[in-house]
Every structure is written in structure tokens, then in C-alpha cells.
PDB file of N, CA and C in Angstrom:
ATOM      1  N   UNK A   1     150.555 -32.368 166.442  1.00  0.00           N
ATOM      2  CA  UNK A   1     151.828 -33.053 166.493  1.00  0.00           C
ATOM      3  C   UNK A   1     152.337 -33.243 165.074  1.00  0.00           C
ATOM      4  N   UNK A   2     153.576 -32.888 164.819  1.00  0.00           N
ATOM      5  CA  UNK A   2     154.157 -33.017 163.490  1.00  0.00           C
ATOM      6  C   UNK A   2     155.007 -34.268 163.418  1.00  0.00           C
ATOM      7  N   UNK A   3     155.078 -34.832 162.228  1.00  0.00           N
ATOM      8  CA  UNK A   3     155.891 -36.028 162.054  1.00  0.00           C
ATOM      9  C   UNK A   3     157.310 -35.619 161.700  1.00  0.00           C
ATOM     10  N   UNK A   4     158.244 -36.510 161.928  1.00  0.00           N
ATOM     11  CA  UNK A   4     159.645 -36.221 161.652  1.00  0.00           C
ATOM     12  C   UNK A   4     160.029 -36.562 160.214  1.00  0.00           C
ATOM     13  N   UNK A   5     159.096 -37.143 159.453  1.00  0.00           N
ATOM     14  CA  UNK A   5     159.397 -37.494 158.069  1.00  0.00           C
ATOM     15  C   UNK A   5     159.440 -36.253 157.193  1.00  0.00           C
ATOM     16  N   UNK A   6     160.311 -36.277 156.202  1.00  0.00           N
ATOM     17  CA  UNK A   6     160.366 -35.149 155.279  1.00  0.00           C
ATOM     18  C   UNK A   6     159.214 -35.245 154.295  1.00  0.00           C
ATOM     19  N   UNK A   7     158.779 -34.127 153.799  1.00  0.00           N
ATOM     20  CA  UNK A   7     157.658 -34.095 152.884  1.00  0.00           C
ATOM     21  C   UNK A   7     156.350 -34.345 153.587  1.00  0.00           C
ATOM     22  N   UNK A   8     156.355 -34.194 154.882  1.00  0.00           N
ATOM     23  CA  UNK A   8     155.250 -34.534 155.750  1.00  0.00           C
ATOM     24  C   UNK A   8     153.905 -34.031 155.320  1.00  0.00           C
ATOM     25  N   UNK A   9     153.184 -33.553 156.188  1.00  0.00           N
ATOM     26  CA  UNK A   9     151.800 -33.239 155.921  1.00  0.00           C
ATOM     27  C   UNK A   9     150.954 -34.281 156.609  1.00  0.00           C
ATOM     28  N   UNK A  10     149.694 -34.056 156.569  1.00  0.00           N
ATOM     29  CA  UNK A  10     148.796 -34.934 157.301  1.00  0.00           C
ATOM     30  C   UNK A  10     148.778 -36.358 156.750  1.00  0.00           C
ATOM     31  N   UNK A  11     148.891 -36.518 155.402  1.00  0.00           N
ATOM     32  CA  UNK A  11     148.795 -37.845 154.799  1.00  0.00           C
ATOM     33  C   UNK A  11     150.146 -38.403 154.385  1.00  0.00           C
ATOM     34  N   UNK A  12     151.231 -37.732 154.672  1.00  0.00           N
ATOM     35  CA  UNK A  12     152.558 -38.240 154.361  1.00  0.00           C
ATOM     36  C   UNK A  12     152.901 -38.162 152.887  1.00  0.00           C
ATOM     37  N   UNK A  13     152.209 -37.322 152.118  1.00  0.00           N
ATOM     38  CA  UNK A  13     152.453 -37.220 150.680  1.00  0.00           C
ATOM     39  C   UNK A  13     153.606 -36.281 150.355  1.00  0.00           C
ATOM     40  N   UNK A  14     153.990 -36.289 149.090  1.00  0.00           N
ATOM     41  CA  UNK A  14     155.053 -35.400 148.641  1.00  0.00           C
ATOM     42  C   UNK A  14     154.499 -34.017 148.378  1.00  0.00           C
ATOM     43  N   UNK A  15     155.345 -33.033 148.561  1.00  0.00           N
ATOM     44  CA  UNK A  15     154.956 -31.669 148.216  1.00  0.00           C
ATOM     45  C   UNK A  15     155.602 -31.301 146.898  1.00  0.00           C
ATOM     46  N   UNK A  16     155.063 -30.298 146.255  1.00  0.00           N
ATOM     47  CA  UNK A  16     155.671 -29.829 145.023  1.00  0.00           C
ATOM     48  C   UNK A  16     154.987 -30.399 143.800  1.00  0.00           C
ATOM     49  N   UNK A  17     155.777 -30.981 142.939  1.00  0.00           N
ATOM     50  CA  UNK A  17     155.324 -31.468 141.647  1.00  0.00           C
ATOM     51  C   UNK A  17     154.348 -32.640 141.781  1.00  0.00           C
ATOM     52  N   UNK A  18     153.288 -32.662 140.977  1.00  0.00           N
ATOM     53  CA  UNK A  18     152.385 -33.827 141.045  1.00  0.00           C
ATOM     54  C   UNK A  18     153.060 -35.070 140.468  1.00  0.00           C
ATOM     55  N   UNK A  19     152.561 -36.219 140.836  1.00  0.00           N
ATOM     56  CA  UNK A  19     153.130 -37.491 140.396  1.00  0.00           C
ATOM     57  C   UNK A  19     153.015 -37.632 138.882  1.00  0.00           C
ATOM     58  N   UNK A  20     154.033 -38.227 138.258  1.00  0.00           N
ATOM     59  CA  UNK A  20     154.062 -38.423 136.808  1.00  0.00           C
ATOM     60  C   UNK A  20     153.330 -39.702 136.450  1.00  0.00           C
ATOM     61  N   UNK A  21     152.378 -39.612 135.547  1.00  0.00           N
ATOM     62  CA  UNK A  21     151.663 -40.780 135.046  1.00  0.00           C
ATOM     63  C   UNK A  21     152.037 -40.973 133.588  1.00  0.00           C
ATOM     64  N   UNK A  22     152.553 -42.161 133.269  1.00  0.00           N
ATOM     65  CA  UNK A  22     152.951 -42.453 131.896  1.00  0.00           C
ATOM     66  C   UNK A  22     151.715 -42.542 131.010  1.00  0.00           C
ATOM     67  N   UNK A  23     151.851 -42.092 129.790  1.00  0.00           N
ATOM     68  CA  UNK A  23     150.752 -42.151 128.850  1.00  0.00           C
ATOM     69  C   UNK A  23     150.534 -43.608 128.424  1.00  0.00           C
ATOM     70  N   UNK A  24     149.286 -44.008 128.348  1.00  0.00           N
ATOM     71  CA  UNK A  24     148.971 -45.390 127.989  1.00  0.00           C
ATOM     72  C   UNK A  24     149.367 -45.643 126.541  1.00  0.00           C
ATOM     73  N   UNK A  25     150.062 -46.746 126.313  1.00  0.00           N
ATOM     74  CA  UNK A  25     150.512 -47.083 124.971  1.00  0.00           C
ATOM     75  C   UNK A  25     149.373 -47.707 124.185  1.00  0.00           C
ATOM     76  N   UNK A  26     149.358 -47.442 122.903  1.00  0.00           N
ATOM     77  CA  UNK A  26     148.299 -47.937 122.034  1.00  0.00           C
ATOM     78  C   UNK A  26     148.900 -48.967 121.093  1.00  0.00           C
ATOM     79  N   UNK A  27     148.160 -50.028 120.838  1.00  0.00           N
ATOM     80  CA  UNK A  27     148.625 -51.099 119.959  1.00  0.00           C
ATOM     81  C   UNK A  27     148.763 -50.566 118.534  1.00  0.00           C
ATOM     82  N   UNK A  28     149.954 -50.693 117.964  1.00  0.00           N
ATOM     83  CA  UNK A  28     150.219 -50.201 116.611  1.00  0.00           C
ATOM     84  C   UNK A  28     149.441 -50.999 115.571  1.00  0.00           C
ATOM     85  N   UNK A  29     149.196 -52.262 115.834  1.00  0.00           N
ATOM     86  CA  UNK A  29     148.464 -53.096 114.897  1.00  0.00           C
ATOM     87  C   UNK A  29     146.975 -52.757 114.899  1.00  0.00           C
ATOM     88  N   UNK A  30     146.426 -52.414 116.065  1.00  0.00           N
ATOM     89  CA  UNK A  30     145.021 -52.007 116.138  1.00  0.00           C
ATOM     90  C   UNK A  30     144.816 -50.666 115.437  1.00  0.00           C
ATOM     91  N   UNK A  31     145.764 -49.763 115.576  1.00  0.00           N
ATOM     92  CA  UNK A  31     145.660 -48.457 114.931  1.00  0.00           C
ATOM     93  C   UNK A  31     145.647 -48.607 113.408  1.00  0.00           C
ATOM     94  N   UNK A  32     146.472 -49.527 112.885  1.00  0.00           N
ATOM     95  CA  UNK A  32     146.558 -49.744 111.441  1.00  0.00           C
ATOM     96  C   UNK A  32     145.507 -50.737 110.916  1.00  0.00           C
ATOM     97  N   UNK A  33     144.635 -51.230 111.797  1.00  0.00           N
ATOM     98  CA  UNK A  33     143.588 -52.193 111.458  1.00  0.00           C
ATOM     99  C   UNK A  33     144.161 -53.447 110.788  1.00  0.00           C
ATOM    100  N   UNK A  34     145.214 -54.001 111.401  1.00  0.00           N
ATOM    101  CA  UNK A  34     145.861 -55.202 110.876  1.00  0.00           C
ATOM    102  C   UNK A  34     145.058 -56.421 111.329  1.00  0.00           C
ATOM    103  N   UNK A  35     144.644 -57.243 110.373  1.00  0.00           N
ATOM    104  CA  UNK A  35     143.886 -58.458 110.691  1.00  0.00           C
ATOM    105  C   UNK A  35     144.820 -59.631 110.967  1.00  0.00           C
ATOM    106  N   UNK A  36     145.895 -59.737 110.178  1.00  0.00           N
ATOM    107  CA  UNK A  36     146.817 -60.866 110.282  1.00  0.00           C
ATOM    108  C   UNK A  36     148.247 -60.348 110.198  1.00  0.00           C
ATOM    109  N   UNK A  37     149.102 -60.794 111.101  1.00  0.00           N
ATOM    110  CA  UNK A  37     150.506 -60.389 111.092  1.00  0.00           C
ATOM    111  C   UNK A  37     151.276 -61.417 110.282  1.00  0.00           C
ATOM    112  N   UNK A  38     151.884 -60.966 109.203  1.00  0.00           N
ATOM    113  CA  UNK A  38     152.568 -61.859 108.279  1.00  0.00           C
ATOM    114  C   UNK A  38     154.022 -62.042 108.708  1.00  0.00           C
ATOM    115  N   UNK A  39     154.497 -63.269 108.708  1.00  0.00           N
ATOM    116  CA  UNK A  39     155.864 -63.563 109.137  1.00  0.00           C
ATOM    117  C   UNK A  39     156.903 -63.056 108.145  1.00  0.00           C
ATOM    118  N   UNK A  40     156.477 -62.700 106.927  1.00  0.00           N
ATOM    119  CA  UNK A  40     157.420 -62.232 105.915  1.00  0.00           C
ATOM    120  C   UNK A  40     157.743 -60.746 106.034  1.00  0.00           C
ATOM    121  N   UNK A  41     156.998 -60.004 106.860  1.00  0.00           N
ATOM    122  CA  UNK A  41     157.267 -58.578 107.079  1.00  0.00           C
ATOM    123  C   UNK A  41     158.320 -58.417 108.165  1.00  0.00           C
ATOM    124  N   UNK A  42     159.546 -58.772 107.838  1.00  0.00           N
ATOM    125  CA  UNK A  42     160.629 -58.804 108.825  1.00  0.00           C
ATOM    126  C   UNK A  42     160.969 -57.404 109.329  1.00  0.00           C
ATOM    127  N   UNK A  43     160.849 -56.405 108.478  1.00  0.00           N
ATOM    128  CA  UNK A  43     161.197 -55.037 108.880  1.00  0.00           C
ATOM    129  C   UNK A  43     160.266 -54.507 109.968  1.00  0.00           C
ATOM    130  N   UNK A  44     159.021 -54.959 109.992  1.00  0.00           N
ATOM    131  CA  UNK A  44     158.093 -54.550 111.046  1.00  0.00           C
ATOM    132  C   UNK A  44     158.507 -55.110 112.405  1.00  0.00           C
ATOM    133  N   UNK A  45     159.165 -56.271 112.395  1.00  0.00           N
ATOM    134  CA  UNK A  45     159.509 -56.937 113.654  1.00  0.00           C
ATOM    135  C   UNK A  45     160.668 -56.280 114.375  1.00  0.00           C
ATOM    136  N   UNK A  46     161.465 -55.487 113.710  1.00  0.00           N
ATOM    137  CA  UNK A  46     162.642 -54.872 114.338  1.00  0.00           C
ATOM    138  C   UNK A  46     162.266 -54.069 115.577  1.00  0.00           C
ATOM    139  N   UNK A  47     161.112 -53.433 115.522  1.00  0.00           N
ATOM    140  CA  UNK A  47     160.660 -52.607 116.639  1.00  0.00           C
ATOM    141  C   UNK A  47     160.280 -53.448 117.863  1.00  0.00           C
ATOM    142  N   UNK A  48     159.909 -54.688 117.631  1.00  0.00           N
ATOM    143  CA  UNK A  48     159.423 -55.546 118.704  1.00  0.00           C
ATOM    144  C   UNK A  48     160.474 -56.535 119.203  1.00  0.00           C
ATOM    145  N   UNK A  49     161.727 -56.367 118.775  1.00  0.00           N
ATOM    146  CA  UNK A  49     162.834 -57.219 119.213  1.00  0.00           C
ATOM    147  C   UNK A  49     163.885 -56.372 119.918  1.00  0.00           C
ATOM    148  N   UNK A  50     164.524 -56.952 120.934  1.00  0.00           N
ATOM    149  CA  UNK A  50     165.603 -56.250 121.622  1.00  0.00           C
ATOM    150  C   UNK A  50     166.881 -56.364 120.800  1.00  0.00           C
ATOM    151  N   UNK A  51     167.933 -55.735 121.269  1.00  0.00           N
ATOM    152  CA  UNK A  51     169.219 -55.840 120.584  1.00  0.00           C
ATOM    153  C   UNK A  51     169.785 -57.253 120.688  1.00  0.00           C
ATOM    154  N   UNK A  52     169.257 -58.044 121.631  1.00  0.00           N
ATOM    155  CA  UNK A  52     169.655 -59.446 121.775  1.00  0.00           C
ATOM    156  C   UNK A  52     168.674 -60.366 121.037  1.00  0.00           C
ATOM    157  N   UNK A  53     167.793 -59.778 120.243  1.00  0.00           N
ATOM    158  CA  UNK A  53     166.795 -60.493 119.430  1.00  0.00           C
ATOM    159  C   UNK A  53     165.774 -61.263 120.262  1.00  0.00           C
ATOM    160  N   UNK A  54     165.459 -60.753 121.433  1.00  0.00           N
ATOM    161  CA  UNK A  54     164.393 -61.324 122.246  1.00  0.00           C
ATOM    162  C   UNK A  54     163.112 -60.548 121.966  1.00  0.00           C
ATOM    163  N   UNK A  55     161.978 -61.204 122.094  1.00  0.00           N
ATOM    164  CA  UNK A  55     160.690 -60.560 121.845  1.00  0.00           C
ATOM    165  C   UNK A  55     160.374 -59.640 123.026  1.00  0.00           C
ATOM    166  N   UNK A  56     160.049 -58.383 122.715  1.00  0.00           N
ATOM    167  CA  UNK A  56     159.734 -57.412 123.762  1.00  0.00           C
ATOM    168  C   UNK A  56     158.399 -57.745 124.422  1.00  0.00           C
ATOM    169  N   UNK A  57     158.256 -57.357 125.672  1.00  0.00           N
ATOM    170  CA  UNK A  57     157.035 -57.604 126.426  1.00  0.00           C
ATOM    171  C   UNK A  57     155.925 -56.648 125.987  1.00  0.00           C
ATOM    172  N   UNK A  58     154.696 -57.039 126.228  1.00  0.00           N
ATOM    173  CA  UNK A  58     153.542 -56.208 125.894  1.00  0.00           C
ATOM    174  C   UNK A  58     153.572 -54.880 126.615  1.00  0.00           C
ATOM    175  N   UNK A  59     153.948 -54.907 127.874  1.00  0.00           N
ATOM    176  CA  UNK A  59     153.927 -53.674 128.656  1.00  0.00           C
ATOM    177  C   UNK A  59     154.951 -52.665 128.143  1.00  0.00           C
ATOM    178  N   UNK A  60     155.955 -53.137 127.439  1.00  0.00           N
ATOM    179  CA  UNK A  60     156.975 -52.235 126.902  1.00  0.00           C
ATOM    180  C   UNK A  60     156.614 -51.714 125.512  1.00  0.00           C
ATOM    181  N   UNK A  61     156.055 -52.570 124.665  1.00  0.00           N
ATOM    182  CA  UNK A  61     155.732 -52.167 123.300  1.00  0.00           C
ATOM    183  C   UNK A  61     154.336 -51.576 123.178  1.00  0.00           C
ATOM    184  N   UNK A  62     153.425 -51.981 124.051  1.00  0.00           N
ATOM    185  CA  UNK A  62     152.072 -51.448 124.009  1.00  0.00           C
ATOM    186  C   UNK A  62     151.118 -52.225 123.127  1.00  0.00           C
ATOM    187  N   UNK A  63     151.526 -53.383 122.626  1.00  0.00           N
ATOM    188  CA  UNK A  63     150.614 -54.175 121.792  1.00  0.00           C
ATOM    189  C   UNK A  63     149.546 -54.829 122.661  1.00  0.00           C
ATOM    190  N   UNK A  64     148.388 -55.071 122.066  1.00  0.00           N
ATOM    191  CA  UNK A  64     147.321 -55.737 122.805  1.00  0.00           C
ATOM    192  C   UNK A  64     147.612 -57.239 122.852  1.00  0.00           C
ATOM    193  N   UNK A  65     146.879 -57.963 123.671  1.00  0.00           N
ATOM    194  CA  UNK A  65     147.133 -59.392 123.869  1.00  0.00           C
ATOM    195  C   UNK A  65     146.936 -60.183 122.579  1.00  0.00           C
ATOM    196  N   UNK A  66     145.903 -59.850 121.838  1.00  0.00           N
ATOM    197  CA  UNK A  66     145.600 -60.560 120.591  1.00  0.00           C
ATOM    198  C   UNK A  66     146.740 -60.417 119.595  1.00  0.00           C
ATOM    199  N   UNK A  67     147.221 -59.198 119.404  1.00  0.00           N
ATOM    200  CA  UNK A  67     148.281 -58.970 118.432  1.00  0.00           C
ATOM    201  C   UNK A  67     149.646 -59.423 118.949  1.00  0.00           C
ATOM    202  N   UNK A  68     149.836 -59.434 120.261  1.00  0.00           N
ATOM    203  CA  UNK A  68     151.095 -59.943 120.805  1.00  0.00           C
ATOM    204  C   UNK A  68     151.233 -61.439 120.537  1.00  0.00           C
ATOM    205  N   UNK A  69     150.137 -62.170 120.642  1.00  0.00           N
ATOM    206  CA  UNK A  69     150.170 -63.600 120.332  1.00  0.00           C
ATOM    207  C   UNK A  69     150.520 -63.832 118.872  1.00  0.00           C
ATOM    208  N   UNK A  70     149.876 -63.074 117.984  1.00  0.00           N
ATOM    209  CA  UNK A  70     150.168 -63.206 116.559  1.00  0.00           C
ATOM    210  C   UNK A  70     151.579 -62.770 116.215  1.00  0.00           C
ATOM    211  N   UNK A  71     152.039 -61.731 116.876  1.00  0.00           N
ATOM    212  CA  UNK A  71     153.385 -61.221 116.642  1.00  0.00           C
ATOM    213  C   UNK A  71     154.438 -62.235 117.057  1.00  0.00           C
ATOM    214  N   UNK A  72     154.267 -62.840 118.222  1.00  0.00           N
ATOM    215  CA  UNK A  72     155.253 -63.816 118.687  1.00  0.00           C
ATOM    216  C   UNK A  72     155.268 -65.048 117.791  1.00  0.00           C
ATOM    217  N   UNK A  73     154.103 -65.472 117.313  1.00  0.00           N
ATOM    218  CA  UNK A  73     154.041 -66.606 116.387  1.00  0.00           C
ATOM    219  C   UNK A  73     154.748 -66.266 115.074  1.00  0.00           C
ATOM    220  N   UNK A  74     154.510 -65.062 114.565  1.00  0.00           N
ATOM    221  CA  UNK A  74     155.132 -64.643 113.304  1.00  0.00           C
ATOM    222  C   UNK A  74     156.644 -64.532 113.447  1.00  0.00           C
ATOM    223  N   UNK A  75     157.112 -64.005 114.578  1.00  0.00           N
ATOM    224  CA  UNK A  75     158.558 -63.890 114.807  1.00  0.00           C
ATOM    225  C   UNK A  75     159.193 -65.273 114.891  1.00  0.00           C
ATOM    226  N   UNK A  76     158.531 -66.184 115.567  1.00  0.00           N
ATOM    227  CA  UNK A  76     159.063 -67.547 115.693  1.00  0.00           C
ATOM    228  C   UNK A  76     159.100 -68.253 114.343  1.00  0.00           C
ATOM    229  N   UNK A  77     158.095 -68.027 113.509  1.00  0.00           N
ATOM    230  CA  UNK A  77     158.099 -68.610 112.164  1.00  0.00           C
ATOM    231  C   UNK A  77     159.228 -68.026 111.329  1.00  0.00           C
ATOM    232  N   UNK A  78     159.428 -66.719 111.421  1.00  0.00           N
ATOM    233  CA  UNK A  78     160.498 -66.063 110.662  1.00  0.00           C
ATOM    234  C   UNK A  78     161.869 -66.541 111.140  1.00  0.00           C
ATOM    235  N   UNK A  79     162.010 -66.785 112.434  1.00  0.00           N
ATOM    236  CA  UNK A  79     163.276 -67.322 112.967  1.00  0.00           C
ATOM    237  C   UNK A  79     163.528 -68.722 112.412  1.00  0.00           C
ATOM    238  N   UNK A  80     162.480 -69.517 112.383  1.00  0.00           N
ATOM    239  CA  UNK A  80     162.613 -70.902 111.915  1.00  0.00           C
ATOM    240  C   UNK A  80     163.031 -70.959 110.451  1.00  0.00           C
ATOM    241  N   UNK A  81     162.591 -69.987 109.667  1.00  0.00           N
ATOM    242  CA  UNK A  81     162.941 -69.915 108.252  1.00  0.00           C
ATOM    243  C   UNK A  81     164.204 -69.076 108.010  1.00  0.00           C
ATOM    244  N   UNK A  82     164.914 -68.730 109.077  1.00  0.00           N
ATOM    245  CA  UNK A  82     166.182 -67.987 109.020  1.00  0.00           C
ATOM    246  C   UNK A  82     166.022 -66.595 108.421  1.00  0.00           C
ATOM    247  N   UNK A  83     164.862 -65.979 108.606  1.00  0.00           N
ATOM    248  CA  UNK A  83     164.664 -64.605 108.162  1.00  0.00           C
ATOM    249  C   UNK A  83     165.091 -63.629 109.257  1.00  0.00           C
ATOM    250  N   UNK A  84     165.021 -64.093 110.500  1.00  0.00           N
ATOM    251  CA  UNK A  84     165.456 -63.333 111.675  1.00  0.00           C
ATOM    252  C   UNK A  84     166.385 -64.250 112.467  1.00  0.00           C
ATOM    253  N   UNK A  85     167.504 -63.748 112.960  1.00  0.00           N
ATOM    254  CA  UNK A  85     168.386 -64.604 113.747  1.00  0.00           C
ATOM    255  C   UNK A  85     167.809 -64.893 115.131  1.00  0.00           C
ATOM    256  N   UNK A  86     168.218 -66.002 115.717  1.00  0.00           N
ATOM    257  CA  UNK A  86     167.810 -66.344 117.077  1.00  0.00           C
ATOM    258  C   UNK A  86     168.560 -65.505 118.099  1.00  0.00           C
ATOM    259  N   UNK A  87     169.805 -65.146 117.781  1.00  0.00           N
ATOM    260  CA  UNK A  87     170.626 -64.342 118.687  1.00  0.00           C
ATOM    261  C   UNK A  87     171.618 -63.551 117.850  1.00  0.00           C
ATOM    262  N   UNK A  88     172.289 -62.557 118.458  1.00  0.00           N
ATOM    263  CA  UNK A  88     173.294 -61.788 117.714  1.00  0.00           C
ATOM    264  C   UNK A  88     174.433 -62.660 117.191  1.00  0.00           C
ATOM    265  N   UNK A  89     174.727 -63.757 117.873  1.00  0.00           N
ATOM    266  CA  UNK A  89     175.781 -64.662 117.425  1.00  0.00           C
ATOM    267  C   UNK A  89     175.407 -65.335 116.107  1.00  0.00           C
ATOM    268  N   UNK A  90     174.125 -65.670 115.954  1.00  0.00           N
ATOM    269  CA  UNK A  90     173.679 -66.284 114.710  1.00  0.00           C
ATOM    270  C   UNK A  90     173.787 -65.306 113.548  1.00  0.00           C
ATOM    271  N   UNK A  91     173.548 -64.039 113.818  1.00  0.00           N
ATOM    272  CA  UNK A  91     173.616 -63.010 112.787  1.00  0.00           C
ATOM    273  C   UNK A  91     175.045 -62.873 112.276  1.00  0.00           C
ATOM    274  N   UNK A  92     175.997 -62.843 113.200  1.00  0.00           N
ATOM    275  CA  UNK A  92     177.392 -62.670 112.814  1.00  0.00           C
ATOM    276  C   UNK A  92     177.949 -63.914 112.117  1.00  0.00           C
ATOM    277  N   UNK A  93     177.581 -65.101 112.597  1.00  0.00           N
ATOM    278  CA  UNK A  93     178.114 -66.317 111.986  1.00  0.00           C
ATOM    279  C   UNK A  93     177.548 -66.529 110.583  1.00  0.00           C
ATOM    280  N   UNK A  94     176.366 -66.037 110.335  1.00  0.00           N
ATOM    281  CA  UNK A  94     175.781 -66.182 109.007  1.00  0.00           C
ATOM    282  C   UNK A  94     176.481 -65.284 107.987  1.00  0.00           C
ATOM    283  N   UNK A  95     177.045 -64.181 108.444  1.00  0.00           N
ATOM    284  CA  UNK A  95     177.712 -63.253 107.536  1.00  0.00           C
ATOM    285  C   UNK A  95     179.214 -63.503 107.428  1.00  0.00           C
ATOM    286  N   UNK A  96     179.743 -64.359 108.283  1.00  0.00           N
ATOM    287  CA  UNK A  96     181.180 -64.635 108.254  1.00  0.00           C
ATOM    288  C   UNK A  96     181.532 -65.452 107.002  1.00  0.00           C
ATOM    289  N   UNK A  97     182.667 -65.186 106.380  1.00  0.00           N
ATOM    290  CA  UNK A  97     183.047 -65.953 105.196  1.00  0.00           C
ATOM    291  C   UNK A  97     183.346 -67.411 105.545  1.00  0.00           C
ATOM    292  N   UNK A  98     183.006 -68.302 104.638  1.00  0.00           N
ATOM    293  CA  UNK A  98     183.245 -69.738 104.856  1.00  0.00           C
ATOM    294  C   UNK A  98     184.725 -70.057 104.621  1.00  0.00           C
ATOM    295  N   UNK A  99     185.222 -71.001 105.394  1.00  0.00           N
ATOM    296  CA  UNK A  99     186.639 -71.383 105.245  1.00  0.00           C
ATOM    297  C   UNK A  99     186.782 -72.672 104.507  1.00  0.00           C
TER     298      UNK A  99
END
């Protein structure tokens, strides 16, 4: 007896191309043997922030849990010292001429 579903077969799987498996991301800090993430390295943080200046998730950037904790602490310290803006609005208002 055949099933009416497309791509049928005995187990209901797809035919043709095998399923795509994403390559596992590797922590950039572990590769570089970073012991401590410094809050003054603002240029390194650009990769780990969205265009809205939110901290990217681990699953998206590939950082390990240990370095993600240090990274978020460093970003928050840099924000507090006005080295990184809290939002795009803060970036623009800081560059606007004073009246």
C-alpha cells in the first residue's frame, strides 16, 4: 500500500539531496587562547553586537559559555564608560553638534 504523501517511501523521508547540516561554530576566543577579555578592545566587540547594539547570542556567534560571560561583562563595562553606545540613538546624539 502506498501513501498519498509526496516524497513518500517507507519511512516518509525526502528523496534527492541529503539534509544540510550546519558546520559547528568554534569559539574565536578559544582559538586565540584568550585568557581575559578586555573591555578596552572595542573593535573586537563589533562582531558580537547587532546593528541595534544588542549582544549577539552564543548560538549565532559560536562563542563558548565561559567566553560569552566574559564578553557580555566587557561589553557592559565599555557601555558604562561610553566606549560603546547603548543604542543607535545614543551614537547619533553623541555626534550631533551642541546647540
